[in-house]
Amino acid sequence: MVERVRRCIAEQVEVNGVVIEKAVYGVVSPCGTVEDPNLVVDVTDAVQVLVHRVAVPGTRGHYRSELLINGGHSKAELEGFFDPAPGEAKHLFVRYQFRGSSHEFHVDDTARVSAPAAHHCVPVEF
């Protein structure tokens, strides 16, 4: 998987696309804080390999970055994930770079994920 992750990151860096900085799954707060490391799993690499270049409809040779995880099922079923906290409510927290800006989101275990998204953008503080 290491080589696959490297290729995916290189492809995304080349097009200024989605590069995952941190992704954790389990009992995690909306801002990514982990109180008990035994109740989360680092899924940074597993999420990065889910990012793809997708052709822009109606164009020739134009692509966009996309992270899409269908909803309705536990993310513990995804490759590289597992249930670190049986019986507990779980969430996915992801921080990523897109076009030079920091983005992040926090979703329920069975929620659909679609990124990049403007509402994921983290405001720059001065």
Protein backbone atom coordinates (compact mmCIF):
# COMPACT_ATOMS: atom_id res chain seq x y z
CA MET A 1 0.00 0.00 0.00
CA VAL A 2 2.94 2.35 0.62
CA GLU A 3 3.79 2.63 -3.07
CA ARG A 4 0.13 3.15 -3.94
CA VAL A 5 -0.08 6.00 -1.40
CA ARG A 6 3.10 7.61 -2.78
CA ARG A 7 1.74 7.49 -6.34
CA CYS A 8 -1.58 8.96 -5.27
CA ILE A 9 0.08 11.81 -3.36
CA ALA A 10 2.45 12.57 -6.24
CA GLU A 11 -0.46 12.68 -8.70
CA GLN A 12 -2.42 15.03 -6.44
CA VAL A 13 0.55 17.31 -5.75
CA GLU A 14 1.16 17.59 -9.51
CA VAL A 15 -2.38 18.91 -10.11
CA ASN A 16 -2.66 20.89 -6.83
CA GLY A 17 -5.38 18.44 -5.81
CA VAL A 18 -6.50 16.77 -2.58
CA VAL A 19 -3.63 15.69 -0.31
CA ILE A 20 -4.68 14.15 2.98
CA GLU A 21 -2.69 15.48 5.96
CA LYS A 22 -4.53 13.64 8.73
CA ALA A 23 -7.45 11.24 8.88
CA VAL A 24 -8.66 9.48 12.01
CA TYR A 25 -11.65 7.20 12.49
CA GLY A 26 -13.32 6.29 15.75
CA VAL A 27 -14.20 8.34 18.81
CA VAL A 28 -12.94 11.73 17.64
CA SER A 29 -14.20 15.27 18.28
CA PRO A 30 -15.37 17.61 15.50
CA CYS A 31 -12.01 19.44 15.63
CA GLY A 32 -10.01 16.21 15.41
CA THR A 33 -9.13 15.93 19.09
CA VAL A 34 -8.56 12.39 20.31
CA GLU A 35 -9.04 11.83 24.03
CA ASP A 36 -8.26 8.10 24.04
CA PRO A 37 -5.86 6.89 21.33
CA ASN A 38 -7.12 3.33 21.86
CA LEU A 39 -10.52 4.37 20.45
CA VAL A 40 -9.27 5.66 17.07
CA VAL A 41 -7.33 4.40 14.10
CA ASP A 42 -5.12 6.50 11.80
CA VAL A 43 -6.60 6.10 8.33
CA THR A 44 -4.59 8.83 6.56
CA ASP A 45 -3.14 6.47 3.94
CA ALA A 46 -6.42 4.58 3.50
CA VAL A 47 -8.27 7.84 2.76
CA GLN A 48 -5.54 9.15 0.44
CA VAL A 49 -5.86 6.16 -1.87
CA LEU A 50 -9.59 6.89 -2.17
CA VAL A 51 -8.79 10.24 -3.84
CA HIS A 52 -9.03 10.02 -7.62
CA ARG A 53 -8.65 12.19 -10.68
CA VAL A 54 -12.00 12.37 -12.41
CA ALA A 55 -12.58 13.67 -15.93
CA VAL A 56 -14.60 16.88 -16.05
CA PRO A 57 -17.69 16.19 -18.17
CA GLY A 58 -17.84 18.09 -21.45
CA THR A 59 -14.09 18.79 -21.57
CA ARG A 60 -11.13 17.09 -23.18
CA GLY A 61 -8.20 16.36 -20.92
CA HIS A 62 -9.48 18.30 -17.90
CA TYR A 63 -9.60 16.54 -14.56
CA ARG A 64 -10.56 17.32 -11.00
CA SER A 65 -9.67 15.68 -7.71
CA GLU A 66 -12.40 13.83 -5.87
CA LEU A 67 -12.77 11.94 -2.63
CA LEU A 68 -16.08 10.11 -2.57
CA ILE A 69 -17.22 7.63 0.07
CA ASN A 70 -20.79 6.42 -0.27
CA GLY A 71 -23.00 6.64 2.80
CA GLY A 72 -25.26 4.12 4.43
CA HIS A 73 -22.54 1.74 5.66
CA SER A 74 -19.98 1.85 8.45
CA LYS A 75 -16.59 3.10 7.34
CA ALA A 76 -15.10 0.18 9.30
CA GLU A 77 -15.90 -1.85 6.16
CA LEU A 78 -13.50 0.21 4.00
CA GLU A 79 -10.04 -1.08 3.11
CA GLY A 80 -7.53 0.05 5.73
CA PHE A 81 -10.22 0.79 8.35
CA PHE A 82 -11.45 -1.29 11.29
CA ASP A 83 -13.74 -0.70 14.26
CA PRO A 84 -11.49 0.62 17.05
CA ALA A 85 -14.40 1.21 19.44
CA PRO A 86 -17.13 -1.45 19.27
CA GLY A 87 -20.41 -0.15 20.66
CA GLU A 88 -19.32 3.50 20.54
CA ALA A 89 -20.51 6.21 18.13
CA LYS A 90 -17.76 6.70 15.55
CA HIS A 91 -16.80 9.57 13.24
CA LEU A 92 -14.28 10.29 10.52
CA PHE A 93 -12.16 13.43 10.82
CA VAL A 94 -10.09 14.48 7.81
CA ARG A 95 -7.72 17.41 7.31
CA TYR A 96 -6.50 17.97 3.74
CA GLN A 97 -4.82 20.46 1.44
CA PHE A 98 -6.53 21.52 -1.78
CA ARG A 99 -5.20 24.22 -4.09
CA GLY A 100 -2.92 25.52 -1.34
CA SER A 101 -5.64 25.89 1.31
CA SER A 102 -6.35 23.84 4.42
CA HIS A 103 -9.66 22.02 4.57
CA GLU A 104 -11.21 19.69 7.12
CA PHE A 105 -14.41 17.84 7.86
CA HIS A 106 -15.95 15.60 10.51
CA VAL A 107 -18.74 13.15 9.59
CA ASP A 108 -20.78 10.43 11.24
CA ASP A 109 -19.73 6.84 10.62
CA THR A 110 -22.34 6.14 7.95
CA ALA A 111 -22.44 9.60 6.31
CA ARG A 112 -21.56 10.17 2.67
CA VAL A 113 -18.26 11.98 2.04
CA SER A 114 -17.57 14.25 -0.91
CA ALA A 115 -14.45 16.39 -1.12
CA PRO A 116 -13.14 18.87 -1.95
CA ALA A 117 -15.90 21.18 -0.80
CA ALA A 118 -15.88 24.93 -0.20
CA HIS A 119 -17.51 24.51 3.23
CA HIS A 120 -14.54 22.37 4.34
CA CYS A 121 -12.15 25.34 3.94
CA VAL A 122 -10.48 26.41 7.18
CA PRO A 123 -10.42 30.21 7.58
CA VAL A 124 -6.95 31.74 7.67
CA GLU A 125 -6.23 33.47 10.98
CA PHE A 126 -4.01 36.54 11.14
